[in-house]
C-alpha atoms as a PDB file:
ATOM      1  CA  UNK A   1       0.000   0.000   0.000  1.00  0.00           C
ATOM      2  CA  UNK A   2       1.399   3.376  -0.876  1.00  0.00           C
ATOM      3  CA  UNK A   3       1.772   6.169   1.676  1.00  0.00           C
ATOM      4  CA  UNK A   4      -1.160   8.229   0.362  1.00  0.00           C
ATOM      5  CA  UNK A   5      -3.523   5.258   0.698  1.00  0.00           C
ATOM      6  CA  UNK A   6      -2.289   4.651   4.254  1.00  0.00           C
ATOM      7  CA  UNK A   7      -2.997   8.306   5.137  1.00  0.00           C
ATOM      8  CA  UNK A   8      -6.478   8.100   3.672  1.00  0.00           C
ATOM      9  CA  UNK A   9      -7.206   4.933   5.636  1.00  0.00           C
ATOM     10  CA  UNK A  10      -6.062   6.498   8.879  1.00  0.00           C
ATOM     11  CA  UNK A  11      -7.640   9.935   8.487  1.00  0.00           C
ATOM     12  CA  UNK A  12     -10.973   9.445   6.725  1.00  0.00           C
ATOM     13  CA  UNK A  13     -13.843   7.801   8.454  1.00  0.00           C
ATOM     14  CA  UNK A  14     -17.089   9.460   7.552  1.00  0.00           C
ATOM     15  CA  UNK A  15     -19.423   9.928  10.463  1.00  0.00           C
ATOM     16  CA  UNK A  16     -21.873   9.417   8.542  1.00  0.00           C
ATOM     17  CA  UNK A  17     -25.014 -18.173  13.011  1.00  0.00           C
ATOM     18  CA  UNK A  18     -23.305 -19.382   9.914  1.00  0.00           C
ATOM     19  CA  UNK A  19     -19.502 -19.244   9.831  1.00  0.00           C
ATOM     20  CA  UNK A  20     -18.171 -16.459   7.675  1.00  0.00           C
ATOM     21  CA  UNK A  21     -16.202 -17.333   4.560  1.00  0.00           C
ATOM     22  CA  UNK A  22     -12.693 -15.918   4.927  1.00  0.00           C
ATOM     23  CA  UNK A  23     -10.375 -15.467   1.949  1.00  0.00           C
ATOM     24  CA  UNK A  24      -7.413 -13.424   0.821  1.00  0.00           C
ATOM     25  CA  UNK A  25      -8.533 -10.475  -1.300  1.00  0.00           C
ATOM     26  CA  UNK A  26      -6.276 -11.685  -4.089  1.00  0.00           C
ATOM     27  CA  UNK A  27      -8.671 -14.599  -4.580  1.00  0.00           C
ATOM     28  CA  UNK A  28     -11.537 -12.259  -5.522  1.00  0.00           C
ATOM     29  CA  UNK A  29     -12.816 -13.614  -8.837  1.00  0.00           C
ATOM     30  CA  UNK A  30     -15.580 -11.295 -10.051  1.00  0.00           C
ATOM     31  CA  UNK A  31     -16.041 -13.039 -13.432  1.00  0.00           C
ATOM     32  CA  UNK A  32     -17.185 -16.143 -11.534  1.00  0.00           C
ATOM     33  CA  UNK A  33     -19.976 -14.012 -10.035  1.00  0.00           C
ATOM     34  CA  UNK A  34     -21.478 -12.954 -13.375  1.00  0.00           C
ATOM     35  CA  UNK A  35     -25.233 -13.277 -13.189  1.00  0.00           C
ATOM     36  CA  UNK A  36     -25.243 -12.021  -9.594  1.00  0.00           C
ATOM     37  CA  UNK A  37     -25.374  -8.478  -8.249  1.00  0.00           C
ATOM     38  CA  UNK A  38     -22.288  -7.842  -6.129  1.00  0.00           C
ATOM     39  CA  UNK A  39     -22.158  -5.420  -3.216  1.00  0.00           C
ATOM     40  CA  UNK A  40     -18.403  -5.034  -2.657  1.00  0.00           C
ATOM     41  CA  UNK A  41     -17.628  -3.251   0.608  1.00  0.00           C
ATOM     42  CA  UNK A  42     -14.234  -2.031   1.849  1.00  0.00           C
ATOM     43  CA  UNK A  43     -14.012  -1.599   5.628  1.00  0.00           C
ATOM     44  CA  UNK A  44     -11.697  -1.347   8.628  1.00  0.00           C
ATOM     45  CA  UNK A  45     -12.088  -2.171  12.309  1.00  0.00           C
ATOM     46  CA  UNK A  46     -11.452   1.439  13.367  1.00  0.00           C
ATOM     47  CA  UNK A  47     -14.248   2.800  11.150  1.00  0.00           C
ATOM     48  CA  UNK A  48     -17.302   3.928  13.158  1.00  0.00           C
ATOM     49  CA  UNK A  49     -19.762   3.888  10.197  1.00  0.00           C
ATOM     50  CA  UNK A  50     -18.709   0.291   9.489  1.00  0.00           C
ATOM     51  CA  UNK A  51     -20.439  -0.637  12.742  1.00  0.00           C
ATOM     52  CA  UNK A  52     -23.686   0.531  11.119  1.00  0.00           C
ATOM     53  CA  UNK A  53     -23.039  -0.916   7.681  1.00  0.00           C
ATOM     54  CA  UNK A  54     -22.392  -4.485   8.880  1.00  0.00           C
ATOM     55  CA  UNK A  55     -25.892  -5.051  10.321  1.00  0.00           C
ATOM     56  CA  UNK A  56     -27.374  -3.358   7.226  1.00  0.00           C
ATOM     57  CA  UNK A  57     -25.428  -5.687   4.906  1.00  0.00           C
ATOM     58  CA  UNK A  58     -26.447  -8.733   6.950  1.00  0.00           C
ATOM     59  CA  UNK A  59     -30.132  -7.781   6.707  1.00  0.00           C
ATOM     60  CA  UNK A  60     -29.869  -7.239   2.971  1.00  0.00           C
ATOM     61  CA  UNK A  61     -28.019 -10.499   2.445  1.00  0.00           C
ATOM     62  CA  UNK A  62     -30.905 -12.344   4.101  1.00  0.00           C
ATOM     63  CA  UNK A  63     -33.500 -10.341   2.180  1.00  0.00           C
ATOM     64  CA  UNK A  64     -32.003 -10.405  -1.324  1.00  0.00           C
ATOM     65  CA  UNK A  65     -29.580 -13.323  -1.660  1.00  0.00           C
ATOM     66  CA  UNK A  66     -32.343 -15.428  -3.200  1.00  0.00           C
ATOM     67  CA  UNK A  67     -32.732 -12.773  -5.899  1.00  0.00           C
ATOM     68  CA  UNK A  68     -29.043 -12.877  -6.777  1.00  0.00           C
ATOM     69  CA  UNK A  69     -27.291 -10.552  -4.312  1.00  0.00           C
ATOM     70  CA  UNK A  70     -23.741 -11.437  -3.291  1.00  0.00           C
ATOM     71  CA  UNK A  71     -22.119  -9.376  -0.531  1.00  0.00           C
ATOM     72  CA  UNK A  72     -18.333  -9.427  -0.367  1.00  0.00           C
ATOM     73  CA  UNK A  73     -16.474  -7.338   2.174  1.00  0.00           C
ATOM     74  CA  UNK A  74     -12.778  -6.507   2.107  1.00  0.00           C
ATOM     75  CA  UNK A  75     -10.994  -5.593   5.324  1.00  0.00           C
ATOM     76  CA  UNK A  76      -8.051  -3.190   5.097  1.00  0.00           C
ATOM     77  CA  UNK A  77      -6.632  -3.500   8.607  1.00  0.00           C
ATOM     78  CA  UNK A  78      -2.883  -4.118   8.647  1.00  0.00           C
ATOM     79  CA  UNK A  79      -3.291  -6.272  11.766  1.00  0.00           C
ATOM     80  CA  UNK A  80      -5.630  -9.221  11.195  1.00  0.00           C
ATOM     81  CA  UNK A  81      -6.341  -9.446  14.942  1.00  0.00           C
ATOM     82  CA  UNK A  82      -8.086  -6.041  14.798  1.00  0.00           C
ATOM     83  CA  UNK A  83     -10.373  -7.317  12.044  1.00  0.00           C
ATOM     84  CA  UNK A  84     -11.044 -10.560  13.898  1.00  0.00           C
ATOM     85  CA  UNK A  85     -12.128  -8.665  17.041  1.00  0.00           C
ATOM     86  CA  UNK A  86     -14.538  -6.593  14.938  1.00  0.00           C
ATOM     87  CA  UNK A  87     -15.941  -9.701  13.226  1.00  0.00           C
ATOM     88  CA  UNK A  88     -16.559 -11.409  16.578  1.00  0.00           C
ATOM     89  CA  UNK A  89     -18.913  -8.552  17.451  1.00  0.00           C
ATOM     90  CA  UNK A  90     -21.011  -8.830  14.284  1.00  0.00           C
ATOM     91  CA  UNK A  91     -20.820 -12.494  13.177  1.00  0.00           C
ATOM     92  CA  UNK A  92     -21.365 -11.783   9.473  1.00  0.00           C
ATOM     93  CA  UNK A  93     -22.597 -14.582   7.232  1.00  0.00           C
ATOM     94  CA  UNK A  94     -21.428 -12.834   4.079  1.00  0.00           C
ATOM     95  CA  UNK A  95     -18.033 -13.293   2.454  1.00  0.00           C
ATOM     96  CA  UNK A  96     -15.122 -11.512   4.196  1.00  0.00           C
ATOM     97  CA  UNK A  97     -11.773 -10.968   2.458  1.00  0.00           C
ATOM     98  CA  UNK A  98      -8.547  -9.444   3.768  1.00  0.00           C
ATOM     99  CA  UNK A  99      -6.376  -6.916   1.924  1.00  0.00           C
ATOM    100  CA  UNK A 100      -3.795  -5.621   4.458  1.00  0.00           C
ATOM    101  CA  UNK A 101      -1.587  -4.212   1.699  1.00  0.00           C
ATOM    102  CA  UNK A 102      -4.509  -2.300   0.169  1.00  0.00           C
ATOM    103  CA  UNK A 103      -3.935  -3.691  -3.318  1.00  0.00           C
ATOM    104  CA  UNK A 104      -7.573  -4.408  -4.118  1.00  0.00           C
ATOM    105  CA  UNK A 105      -8.632  -1.144  -2.474  1.00  0.00           C
ATOM    106  CA  UNK A 106      -6.159   0.739  -4.616  1.00  0.00           C
ATOM    107  CA  UNK A 107      -7.486  -0.906  -7.771  1.00  0.00           C
ATOM    108  CA  UNK A 108     -10.987   0.333  -6.856  1.00  0.00           C
ATOM    109  CA  UNK A 109      -9.641   3.788  -5.925  1.00  0.00           C
ATOM    110  CA  UNK A 110     -11.066   3.599  -2.400  1.00  0.00           C
ATOM    111  CA  UNK A 111     -11.248   7.104  -0.930  1.00  0.00           C
ATOM    112  CA  UNK A 112     -12.560   6.475   2.608  1.00  0.00           C
ATOM    113  CA  UNK A 113     -14.084   3.967   4.986  1.00  0.00           C
ATOM    114  CA  UNK A 114     -16.352   2.321   4.359  1.00  0.00           C
ATOM    115  CA  UNK A 115     -16.523   2.399   0.572  1.00  0.00           C
ATOM    116  CA  UNK A 116     -18.882   0.263  -1.442  1.00  0.00           C
ATOM    117  CA  UNK A 117     -19.118  -0.670  -5.089  1.00  0.00           C
ATOM    118  CA  UNK A 118     -22.306  -2.062  -6.617  1.00  0.00           C
ATOM    119  CA  UNK A 119     -21.622  -4.298  -9.592  1.00  0.00           C
ATOM    120  CA  UNK A 120     -24.413  -5.465 -11.893  1.00  0.00           C
ATOM    121  CA  UNK A 121     -25.040  -8.975 -13.218  1.00  0.00           C
ATOM    122  CA  UNK A 122     -22.765  -8.279 -16.199  1.00  0.00           C
ATOM    123  CA  UNK A 123     -19.773  -7.266 -14.084  1.00  0.00           C
ATOM    124  CA  UNK A 124     -20.200  -3.517 -14.649  1.00  0.00           C
ATOM    125  CA  UNK A 125     -19.679  -1.097 -11.748  1.00  0.00           C
ATOM    126  CA  UNK A 126     -22.903   0.905 -11.529  1.00  0.00           C
ATOM    127  CA  UNK A 127     -22.822   2.722  -8.184  1.00  0.00           C
ATOM    128  CA  UNK A 128     -20.146   3.663  -5.667  1.00  0.00           C
ATOM    129  CA  UNK A 129     -20.415   5.123  -2.174  1.00  0.00           C
ATOM    130  CA  UNK A 130     -17.875   6.594   0.205  1.00  0.00           C
ATOM    131  CA  UNK A 131     -19.052   6.395   3.794  1.00  0.00           C
ATOM    132  CA  UNK A 132     -22.228   4.856   5.161  1.00  0.00           C
ATOM    133  CA  UNK A 133     -25.110   6.770   6.684  1.00  0.00           C
ATOM    134  CA  UNK A 134     -28.308   5.120   7.894  1.00  0.00           C
ATOM    135  CA  UNK A 135     -30.214   8.181   6.690  1.00  0.00           C
ATOM    136  CA  UNK A 136     -29.191   7.141   3.137  1.00  0.00           C
ATOM    137  CA  UNK A 137     -30.114   3.464   3.587  1.00  0.00           C
ATOM    138  CA  UNK A 138     -33.217   3.793   1.384  1.00  0.00           C
ATOM    139  CA  UNK A 139     -31.045   5.103  -1.449  1.00  0.00           C
ATOM    140  CA  UNK A 140     -28.605   2.199  -1.106  1.00  0.00           C
ATOM    141  CA  UNK A 141     -31.447  -0.322  -1.039  1.00  0.00           C
ATOM    142  CA  UNK A 142     -33.105   1.319  -4.034  1.00  0.00           C
ATOM    143  CA  UNK A 143     -29.904   0.926  -6.025  1.00  0.00           C
ATOM    144  CA  UNK A 144     -29.657  -2.739  -4.996  1.00  0.00           C
ATOM    145  CA  UNK A 145     -33.260  -3.358  -6.007  1.00  0.00           C
ATOM    146  CA  UNK A 146     -32.714  -1.603  -9.336  1.00  0.00           C
ATOM    147  CA  UNK A 147     -29.790  -3.871 -10.180  1.00  0.00           C
ATOM    148  CA  UNK A 148     -31.555  -6.994  -8.919  1.00  0.00           C
ATOM    149  CA  UNK A 149     -34.559  -6.221 -11.163  1.00  0.00           C
ATOM    150  CA  UNK A 150     -32.321  -6.163 -14.261  1.00  0.00           C
ATOM    151  CA  UNK A 151     -31.683  -9.431 -16.026  1.00  0.00           C
END
């Protein structure tokens, strides 16, 4: 991870039981997910809005996975133990990946925590968000529903 990405990760945090699958971010294979809508979320244990986004993602996984929603989260903590402590609080059932070097985050030009990318069934990035605010939850869900309705 370059120095500018490290500074962004440390300075921007917008105030704004099934075992979890755990993988290295390098194993992220989006072409294998064609036909599904992907909600790709970048997060860190120190990010306060991430504590709101995790329950929201869990609810939406339960609600929309049968319609083709796949939620994949990518943790950017340099120390895996920090991420593990966070995960023990939330017990996510969605896919969790780890990217301590920030390589995947850099490829998606992540600007702050959390950041999400909504990818349609054809593998095209359609929406991006920096930060997470519950007041905007209806907008996020509307975008998910829009992509899920497309075939």
